[in-house]
Amino acid sequence: MSIKAIIKRAGGASTVARLLGIHHSAVVRWEKVPDGRVVALEAATGIPREELRPDLFKRTPAEGVGG
């Protein structure tokens, strides 16, 4: 997911900034969600960390699925 799509899904740059307690201009400059903001953004928006930063967090198969 692109950073623009993430920000839009989270409610816009101003919303993301308010949720994280940072300045709007910081969010606008992001090329990707900073690794130090991933967990907080996940908690504030419900967007899984695997979607926010798939390069850092990998989805794992659900345990017990398929047998």
N, C-alpha and C. Protein backbone atom coordinates (compact mmCIF):
# COMPACT_ATOMS: atom_id res chain seq x y z
N MET A 1 0.87 -1.18 0.00
CA MET A 1 0.00 0.00 0.00
C MET A 1 0.91 1.23 0.00
N SER A 2 0.60 2.18 -0.85
CA SER A 2 1.41 3.40 -0.91
C SER A 2 1.18 4.28 0.31
N ILE A 3 2.12 5.16 0.58
CA ILE A 3 1.97 6.06 1.72
C ILE A 3 0.77 6.97 1.54
N LYS A 4 0.49 7.39 0.32
CA LYS A 4 -0.68 8.22 0.07
C LYS A 4 -1.97 7.47 0.40
N ALA A 5 -2.02 6.19 0.02
CA ALA A 5 -3.20 5.38 0.31
C ALA A 5 -3.35 5.15 1.81
N ILE A 6 -2.24 4.93 2.49
CA ILE A 6 -2.29 4.74 3.95
C ILE A 6 -2.82 5.99 4.62
N ILE A 7 -2.29 7.14 4.26
CA ILE A 7 -2.72 8.40 4.87
C ILE A 7 -4.19 8.67 4.58
N LYS A 8 -4.61 8.41 3.34
CA LYS A 8 -6.01 8.62 2.99
C LYS A 8 -6.91 7.68 3.80
N ARG A 9 -6.52 6.41 3.90
CA ARG A 9 -7.31 5.43 4.65
C ARG A 9 -7.40 5.80 6.13
N ALA A 10 -6.36 6.43 6.65
CA ALA A 10 -6.33 6.82 8.05
C ALA A 10 -7.09 8.11 8.32
N GLY A 11 -7.56 8.77 7.27
CA GLY A 11 -8.35 9.99 7.46
C GLY A 11 -7.68 11.27 7.02
N GLY A 12 -6.51 11.15 6.41
CA GLY A 12 -5.81 12.33 5.92
C GLY A 12 -4.61 12.68 6.78
N ALA A 13 -3.72 13.50 6.23
CA ALA A 13 -2.49 13.85 6.92
C ALA A 13 -2.75 14.57 8.24
N SER A 14 -3.72 15.45 8.26
CA SER A 14 -4.01 16.18 9.50
C SER A 14 -4.50 15.23 10.59
N THR A 15 -5.32 14.27 10.23
CA THR A 15 -5.82 13.29 11.19
C THR A 15 -4.68 12.43 11.72
N VAL A 16 -3.83 11.95 10.82
CA VAL A 16 -2.69 11.14 11.24
C VAL A 16 -1.81 11.93 12.19
N ALA A 17 -1.53 13.17 11.84
CA ALA A 17 -0.69 14.02 12.69
C ALA A 17 -1.30 14.19 14.07
N ARG A 18 -2.59 14.45 14.13
CA ARG A 18 -3.27 14.64 15.40
C ARG A 18 -3.24 13.36 16.23
N LEU A 19 -3.50 12.23 15.59
CA LEU A 19 -3.50 10.95 16.29
C LEU A 19 -2.13 10.62 16.89
N LEU A 20 -1.07 11.03 16.20
CA LEU A 20 0.28 10.71 16.64
C LEU A 20 0.92 11.82 17.45
N GLY A 21 0.26 12.96 17.53
CA GLY A 21 0.80 14.08 18.28
C GLY A 21 2.01 14.72 17.62
N ILE A 22 1.99 14.74 16.29
CA ILE A 22 3.09 15.36 15.54
C ILE A 22 2.53 16.41 14.60
N HIS A 23 3.41 17.15 13.96
CA HIS A 23 2.98 18.23 13.06
C HIS A 23 2.56 17.66 11.70
N HIS A 24 1.55 18.26 11.14
CA HIS A 24 1.02 17.88 9.82
C HIS A 24 2.13 17.80 8.77
N SER A 25 3.05 18.76 8.79
CA SER A 25 4.11 18.80 7.77
C SER A 25 5.03 17.58 7.87
N ALA A 26 5.17 17.01 9.06
CA ALA A 26 5.99 15.80 9.20
C ALA A 26 5.35 14.64 8.44
N VAL A 27 4.05 14.51 8.57
CA VAL A 27 3.33 13.43 7.89
C VAL A 27 3.40 13.61 6.37
N VAL A 28 3.25 14.82 5.92
CA VAL A 28 3.27 15.11 4.48
C VAL A 28 4.62 14.73 3.87
N ARG A 29 5.68 14.83 4.64
CA ARG A 29 7.03 14.52 4.12
C ARG A 29 7.36 13.04 4.11
N TRP A 30 6.52 12.21 4.75
CA TRP A 30 6.82 10.79 4.80
C TRP A 30 6.89 10.18 3.40
N GLU A 31 7.91 9.34 3.18
CA GLU A 31 7.96 8.51 1.98
C GLU A 31 7.42 7.12 2.30
N LYS A 32 7.47 6.77 3.58
CA LYS A 32 6.85 5.57 4.14
C LYS A 32 6.66 5.86 5.62
N VAL A 33 5.83 5.08 6.27
CA VAL A 33 5.59 5.28 7.69
C VAL A 33 6.90 5.02 8.43
N PRO A 34 7.39 5.98 9.20
CA PRO A 34 8.64 5.75 9.95
C PRO A 34 8.49 4.56 10.88
N ASP A 35 9.55 3.76 10.97
CA ASP A 35 9.45 2.53 11.77
C ASP A 35 9.08 2.81 13.22
N GLY A 36 9.44 3.96 13.74
CA GLY A 36 9.09 4.31 15.11
C GLY A 36 7.65 4.74 15.29
N ARG A 37 6.90 4.88 14.21
CA ARG A 37 5.50 5.32 14.27
C ARG A 37 4.52 4.21 13.91
N VAL A 38 5.02 3.08 13.45
CA VAL A 38 4.16 2.01 12.94
C VAL A 38 3.17 1.50 14.00
N VAL A 39 3.66 1.15 15.17
CA VAL A 39 2.81 0.55 16.20
C VAL A 39 1.75 1.56 16.66
N ALA A 40 2.15 2.81 16.85
CA ALA A 40 1.19 3.84 17.28
C ALA A 40 0.13 4.08 16.21
N LEU A 41 0.55 4.11 14.94
CA LEU A 41 -0.41 4.33 13.86
C LEU A 41 -1.36 3.14 13.74
N GLU A 42 -0.84 1.95 13.91
CA GLU A 42 -1.69 0.76 13.89
C GLU A 42 -2.73 0.85 15.01
N ALA A 43 -2.30 1.20 16.20
CA ALA A 43 -3.21 1.29 17.35
C ALA A 43 -4.26 2.37 17.14
N ALA A 44 -3.87 3.48 16.54
CA ALA A 44 -4.79 4.61 16.37
C ALA A 44 -5.78 4.40 15.23
N THR A 45 -5.38 3.63 14.21
CA THR A 45 -6.22 3.52 13.02
C THR A 45 -6.78 2.13 12.76
N GLY A 46 -6.15 1.12 13.35
CA GLY A 46 -6.58 -0.25 13.08
C GLY A 46 -5.99 -0.82 11.79
N ILE A 47 -5.17 -0.05 11.11
CA ILE A 47 -4.51 -0.56 9.91
C ILE A 47 -3.36 -1.46 10.37
N PRO A 48 -3.35 -2.72 9.98
CA PRO A 48 -2.32 -3.64 10.46
C PRO A 48 -0.91 -3.20 10.08
N ARG A 49 0.02 -3.44 10.99
CA ARG A 49 1.41 -3.06 10.74
C ARG A 49 1.97 -3.72 9.49
N GLU A 50 1.45 -4.90 9.15
CA GLU A 50 1.90 -5.58 7.93
C GLU A 50 1.54 -4.80 6.68
N GLU A 51 0.47 -4.01 6.74
CA GLU A 51 0.09 -3.17 5.62
C GLU A 51 0.83 -1.83 5.65
N LEU A 52 1.09 -1.34 6.87
CA LEU A 52 1.79 -0.07 7.01
C LEU A 52 3.25 -0.17 6.56
N ARG A 53 3.90 -1.26 6.93
CA ARG A 53 5.31 -1.47 6.58
C ARG A 53 5.57 -2.94 6.27
N PRO A 54 5.14 -3.41 5.10
CA PRO A 54 5.34 -4.82 4.77
C PRO A 54 6.81 -5.20 4.67
N ASP A 55 7.70 -4.21 4.53
CA ASP A 55 9.13 -4.51 4.49
C ASP A 55 9.67 -4.87 5.87
N LEU A 56 8.97 -4.47 6.93
CA LEU A 56 9.40 -4.76 8.30
C LEU A 56 8.58 -5.86 8.96
N PHE A 57 7.31 -5.96 8.60
CA PHE A 57 6.40 -6.90 9.25
C PHE A 57 5.77 -7.80 8.20
N LYS A 58 5.90 -9.09 8.40
CA LYS A 58 5.35 -10.06 7.45
C LYS A 58 4.11 -10.70 8.04
N ARG A 59 3.14 -10.95 7.19
CA ARG A 59 1.96 -11.70 7.61
C ARG A 59 2.38 -13.14 7.83
N THR A 60 1.83 -13.74 8.86
CA THR A 60 2.11 -15.16 9.10
C THR A 60 0.79 -15.91 8.97
N PRO A 61 0.84 -17.11 8.46
CA PRO A 61 -0.39 -17.89 8.33
C PRO A 61 -1.03 -18.09 9.70
N ALA A 62 -2.34 -18.05 9.73
CA ALA A 62 -3.06 -18.26 10.99
C ALA A 62 -2.82 -19.69 11.46
N GLU A 63 -2.55 -19.82 12.75
CA GLU A 63 -2.31 -21.15 13.30
C GLU A 63 -3.59 -21.96 13.28
N GLY A 64 -3.44 -23.23 12.99
CA GLY A 64 -4.58 -24.13 13.00
C GLY A 64 -5.40 -24.13 11.73
N VAL A 65 -5.04 -23.32 10.75
CA VAL A 65 -5.77 -23.28 9.50
C VAL A 65 -5.27 -24.41 8.62
N GLY A 66 -6.19 -25.12 8.03
CA GLY A 66 -5.83 -26.17 7.09
C GLY A 66 -5.42 -27.48 7.73
N GLY A 67 -5.79 -27.70 8.93
CA GLY A 67 -5.56 -29.02 9.44
C GLY A 67 -4.89 -29.12 10.70
